[in-house]
Structures are given as C-alpha cells and as structure tokens.
Amino acid sequence: MAEKMKNRYSDAELAEFKAIIESKLEEARRDYEMLRSNLDHSDNNDTEDTSPTFKVMEEGASVLSKEESGQLAQRQQKFISHLESALIRIENKTYGVCRVTGNLIPKERLRAVPHATLSIEAKEGRR
C-alpha cells in the first residue's frame, strides 16, 4: 500500500523497469522481424511439385498461414509500439502511474505487463 502514497517511482526503480522493457523490446523486435521474414520470403516448398489433388489444399493452407503470420506481425508491431511508449513515460518520469486513478501501478503488475497504463482496479472499472 506504500506505493499508493508515492506519486511516482524513484529513478532507481525506473531504471529497473527500463531494463525489463528494453529486454522485452529487443525480443519483440526479433520476433517481428522473423514474422515479416516469413511473409516476405516464401520457401521453395511451393505447390509446384505436388499432385493436382493436393495443390488446392496446400495453396489454401499457405494463404491461411500468411494471413495468420500477418495478424501476428500486426499484433507484435502494436506490442512494440506500447513498449516504446513505456520507455517515453520512463524518460518523462510518468511511468507506472495509472492514467485513470493517478495512483502507482503495483510493481508486480508492471513486471508482468511492463507497458501497462492502468491499475487492475481501473481496468476492472472499480476505481
């Protein structure tokens, strides 16, 4: 409960969160590049070497796979954007402050969801 009495996290605490976010951001960017690479470069295992019966099924699976990869890439890009915004909040020293209640978001929540901008109470509408 002591966290609710403070109006912001200390510089040392912000540095800890910054390290967590930078690590997650690096991993997220790697994952995004892998997804983009899968979309941009199709393997040579195309439907050219299969019999006509399976060709339609394989083409359908290929399209579905690309759609799923595209959606995953979009989600990953959104996650990267949220992490980058969290780094800006750290620089502004507003990181970890619930945008609804104005109270500090518990450290445990920020460690689990480092881009969180709402406390659990605010997220559930309890204020």
C-alpha atoms as a PDB file:
ATOM      1  CA  MET A   1       0.000   0.000   0.000  1.00  0.00           C
ATOM      2  CA  ALA A   2       3.000   2.309   0.416  1.00  0.00           C
ATOM      3  CA  GLU A   3       3.166   2.585  -3.386  1.00  0.00           C
ATOM      4  CA  LYS A   4      -0.182   4.387  -3.398  1.00  0.00           C
ATOM      5  CA  MET A   5       1.263   7.128  -1.169  1.00  0.00           C
ATOM      6  CA  LYS A   6       4.083   7.949  -3.601  1.00  0.00           C
ATOM      7  CA  ASN A   7       3.287   9.924  -6.734  1.00  0.00           C
ATOM      8  CA  ARG A   8       5.991   8.312  -8.891  1.00  0.00           C
ATOM      9  CA  TYR A   9       8.644   5.625  -8.886  1.00  0.00           C
ATOM     10  CA  SER A  10      12.222   6.537  -7.951  1.00  0.00           C
ATOM     11  CA  ASP A  11      14.908   6.869 -10.599  1.00  0.00           C
ATOM     12  CA  ALA A  12      16.403   3.534  -9.456  1.00  0.00           C
ATOM     13  CA  GLU A  13      13.026   1.819  -9.824  1.00  0.00           C
ATOM     14  CA  LEU A  14      12.520   3.420 -13.244  1.00  0.00           C
ATOM     15  CA  ALA A  15      15.960   2.148 -14.294  1.00  0.00           C
ATOM     16  CA  GLU A  16      14.904  -1.390 -13.291  1.00  0.00           C
ATOM     17  CA  PHE A  17      11.725  -1.111 -15.367  1.00  0.00           C
ATOM     18  CA  LYS A  18      13.676   0.378 -18.273  1.00  0.00           C
ATOM     19  CA  ALA A  19      15.966  -2.666 -18.331  1.00  0.00           C
ATOM     20  CA  ILE A  20      12.951  -5.001 -18.327  1.00  0.00           C
ATOM     21  CA  ILE A  21      11.283  -3.073 -21.151  1.00  0.00           C
ATOM     22  CA  GLU A  22      14.434  -2.856 -23.269  1.00  0.00           C
ATOM     23  CA  SER A  23      14.904  -6.611 -22.955  1.00  0.00           C
ATOM     24  CA  LYS A  24      11.292  -7.288 -23.964  1.00  0.00           C
ATOM     25  CA  LEU A  25      11.572  -4.759 -26.781  1.00  0.00           C
ATOM     26  CA  GLU A  26      14.655  -6.462 -28.205  1.00  0.00           C
ATOM     27  CA  GLU A  27      12.903  -9.837 -28.105  1.00  0.00           C
ATOM     28  CA  ALA A  28       9.719  -8.393 -29.628  1.00  0.00           C
ATOM     29  CA  ARG A  29      11.654  -6.798 -32.487  1.00  0.00           C
ATOM     30  CA  ARG A  30      13.397 -10.121 -33.221  1.00  0.00           C
ATOM     31  CA  ASP A  31      10.047 -11.907 -33.258  1.00  0.00           C
ATOM     32  CA  TYR A  32       8.560  -9.223 -35.514  1.00  0.00           C
ATOM     33  CA  GLU A  33      11.437  -9.487 -37.985  1.00  0.00           C
ATOM     34  CA  MET A  34      11.040 -13.258 -38.064  1.00  0.00           C
ATOM     35  CA  LEU A  35       7.315 -12.895 -38.810  1.00  0.00           C
ATOM     36  CA  ARG A  36       7.987 -10.291 -41.502  1.00  0.00           C
ATOM     37  CA  SER A  37      10.646 -12.515 -42.997  1.00  0.00           C
ATOM     38  CA  ASN A  38       8.158 -15.393 -43.174  1.00  0.00           C
ATOM     39  CA  LEU A  39       5.729 -13.130 -45.003  1.00  0.00           C
ATOM     40  CA  ASP A  40       8.271 -11.639 -47.403  1.00  0.00           C
ATOM     41  CA  HIS A  41      10.185 -14.780 -48.336  1.00  0.00           C
ATOM     42  CA  SER A  42       8.228 -17.806 -49.348  1.00  0.00           C
ATOM     43  CA  ASP A  43      10.139 -21.053 -49.150  1.00  0.00           C
ATOM     44  CA  ASN A  44      10.798 -23.092 -52.265  1.00  0.00           C
ATOM     45  CA  ASN A  45       8.383 -25.693 -50.915  1.00  0.00           C
ATOM     46  CA  ASP A  46       5.559 -24.431 -53.050  1.00  0.00           C
ATOM     47  CA  THR A  47       2.736 -26.396 -54.637  1.00  0.00           C
ATOM     48  CA  GLU A  48       4.612 -26.819 -57.923  1.00  0.00           C
ATOM     49  CA  ASP A  49       5.823 -30.303 -57.063  1.00  0.00           C
ATOM     50  CA  THR A  50       2.562 -31.748 -55.752  1.00  0.00           C
ATOM     51  CA  SER A  51      -0.216 -33.575 -57.483  1.00  0.00           C
ATOM     52  CA  PRO A  52      -3.258 -31.502 -58.541  1.00  0.00           C
ATOM     53  CA  THR A  53      -5.444 -33.022 -55.824  1.00  0.00           C
ATOM     54  CA  PHE A  54      -3.319 -31.655 -53.042  1.00  0.00           C
ATOM     55  CA  LYS A  55      -2.406 -28.419 -54.788  1.00  0.00           C
ATOM     56  CA  VAL A  56      -5.670 -26.653 -53.871  1.00  0.00           C
ATOM     57  CA  MET A  57      -5.412 -27.747 -50.237  1.00  0.00           C
ATOM     58  CA  GLU A  58      -1.796 -26.645 -49.948  1.00  0.00           C
ATOM     59  CA  GLU A  59      -2.490 -23.277 -51.552  1.00  0.00           C
ATOM     60  CA  GLY A  60      -5.357 -22.720 -49.096  1.00  0.00           C
ATOM     61  CA  ALA A  61      -3.149 -23.637 -46.161  1.00  0.00           C
ATOM     62  CA  SER A  62      -0.430 -21.341 -47.476  1.00  0.00           C
ATOM     63  CA  VAL A  63      -2.825 -18.396 -47.715  1.00  0.00           C
ATOM     64  CA  LEU A  64      -4.182 -19.090 -44.240  1.00  0.00           C
ATOM     65  CA  SER A  65      -0.670 -19.310 -42.847  1.00  0.00           C
ATOM     66  CA  LYS A  66       0.262 -15.977 -44.416  1.00  0.00           C
ATOM     67  CA  GLU A  67      -2.887 -14.357 -43.017  1.00  0.00           C
ATOM     68  CA  GLU A  68      -2.103 -15.678 -39.552  1.00  0.00           C
ATOM     69  CA  SER A  69       1.506 -14.511 -39.832  1.00  0.00           C
ATOM     70  CA  GLY A  70       0.273 -11.096 -40.956  1.00  0.00           C
ATOM     71  CA  GLN A  71      -2.040 -10.815 -37.973  1.00  0.00           C
ATOM     72  CA  LEU A  72       0.713 -11.922 -35.609  1.00  0.00           C
ATOM     73  CA  ALA A  73       3.067  -9.364 -37.152  1.00  0.00           C
ATOM     74  CA  GLN A  74       0.472  -6.608 -36.631  1.00  0.00           C
ATOM     75  CA  ARG A  75      -0.008  -7.622 -33.002  1.00  0.00           C
ATOM     76  CA  GLN A  76       3.746  -7.707 -32.495  1.00  0.00           C
ATOM     77  CA  GLN A  77       4.118  -4.229 -34.025  1.00  0.00           C
ATOM     78  CA  LYS A  78       1.420  -2.923 -31.656  1.00  0.00           C
ATOM     79  CA  PHE A  79       3.238  -4.525 -28.697  1.00  0.00           C
ATOM     80  CA  ILE A  80       6.495  -2.876 -29.801  1.00  0.00           C
ATOM     81  CA  SER A  81       4.721   0.477 -30.001  1.00  0.00           C
ATOM     82  CA  HIS A  82       3.353   0.042 -26.463  1.00  0.00           C
ATOM     83  CA  LEU A  83       6.822  -0.814 -25.150  1.00  0.00           C
ATOM     84  CA  GLU A  84       8.327   2.220 -26.903  1.00  0.00           C
ATOM     85  CA  SER A  85       5.634   4.413 -25.340  1.00  0.00           C
ATOM     86  CA  ALA A  86       6.513   2.949 -21.929  1.00  0.00           C
ATOM     87  CA  LEU A  87      10.146   3.996 -22.458  1.00  0.00           C
ATOM     88  CA  ILE A  88       8.963   7.544 -23.194  1.00  0.00           C
ATOM     89  CA  ARG A  89       6.936   7.522 -19.960  1.00  0.00           C
ATOM     90  CA  ILE A  90      10.063   6.423 -18.105  1.00  0.00           C
ATOM     91  CA  GLU A  91      12.005   9.358 -19.572  1.00  0.00           C
ATOM     92  CA  ASN A  92       9.138  11.681 -18.572  1.00  0.00           C
ATOM     93  CA  LYS A  93       9.051  10.046 -15.121  1.00  0.00           C
ATOM     94  CA  THR A  94       5.345   9.287 -15.503  1.00  0.00           C
ATOM     95  CA  TYR A  95       5.855   5.541 -15.924  1.00  0.00           C
ATOM     96  CA  GLY A  96       3.836   3.347 -13.597  1.00  0.00           C
ATOM     97  CA  VAL A  97       1.166   5.935 -12.841  1.00  0.00           C
ATOM     98  CA  CYS A  98      -2.379   4.724 -13.577  1.00  0.00           C
ATOM     99  CA  ARG A  99      -3.919   7.025 -16.171  1.00  0.00           C
ATOM    100  CA  VAL A 100      -7.352   6.696 -14.522  1.00  0.00           C
ATOM    101  CA  THR A 101      -6.707   6.773 -10.779  1.00  0.00           C
ATOM    102  CA  GLY A 102      -3.380   8.614 -10.693  1.00  0.00           C
ATOM    103  CA  ASN A 103      -2.055   6.023  -8.234  1.00  0.00           C
ATOM    104  CA  LEU A 104       1.053   3.958  -8.799  1.00  0.00           C
ATOM    105  CA  ILE A 105       0.516   0.660 -10.562  1.00  0.00           C
ATOM    106  CA  PRO A 106       1.950  -2.121  -8.362  1.00  0.00           C
ATOM    107  CA  LYS A 107       5.455  -3.255  -9.283  1.00  0.00           C
ATOM    108  CA  GLU A 108       4.290  -6.855  -9.668  1.00  0.00           C
ATOM    109  CA  ARG A 109       1.856  -5.801 -12.403  1.00  0.00           C
ATOM    110  CA  LEU A 110       4.489  -3.712 -14.175  1.00  0.00           C
ATOM    111  CA  ARG A 111       6.970  -6.574 -14.095  1.00  0.00           C
ATOM    112  CA  ALA A 112       4.362  -8.857 -15.671  1.00  0.00           C
ATOM    113  CA  VAL A 113       2.933  -6.257 -18.094  1.00  0.00           C
ATOM    114  CA  PRO A 114       5.616  -3.559 -18.410  1.00  0.00           C
ATOM    115  CA  HIS A 115       3.578  -1.448 -20.820  1.00  0.00           C
ATOM    116  CA  ALA A 116       0.536  -1.266 -18.502  1.00  0.00           C
ATOM    117  CA  THR A 117      -1.055   2.148 -18.099  1.00  0.00           C
ATOM    118  CA  LEU A 118      -3.941   1.046 -15.877  1.00  0.00           C
ATOM    119  CA  SER A 119      -4.037  -0.462 -12.420  1.00  0.00           C
ATOM    120  CA  ILE A 120      -6.102  -3.615 -12.002  1.00  0.00           C
ATOM    121  CA  GLU A 121      -8.775  -1.580 -10.182  1.00  0.00           C
ATOM    122  CA  ALA A 122      -9.060   0.899 -13.054  1.00  0.00           C
ATOM    123  CA  LYS A 123      -9.007  -1.858 -15.658  1.00  0.00           C
ATOM    124  CA  GLU A 124     -11.879  -3.618 -13.941  1.00  0.00           C
ATOM    125  CA  GLY A 125     -13.727  -0.306 -13.566  1.00  0.00           C
ATOM    126  CA  ARG A 126     -13.565  -0.186  -9.786  1.00  0.00           C
ATOM    127  CA  ARG A 127     -11.519   2.994  -9.390  1.00  0.00           C
END
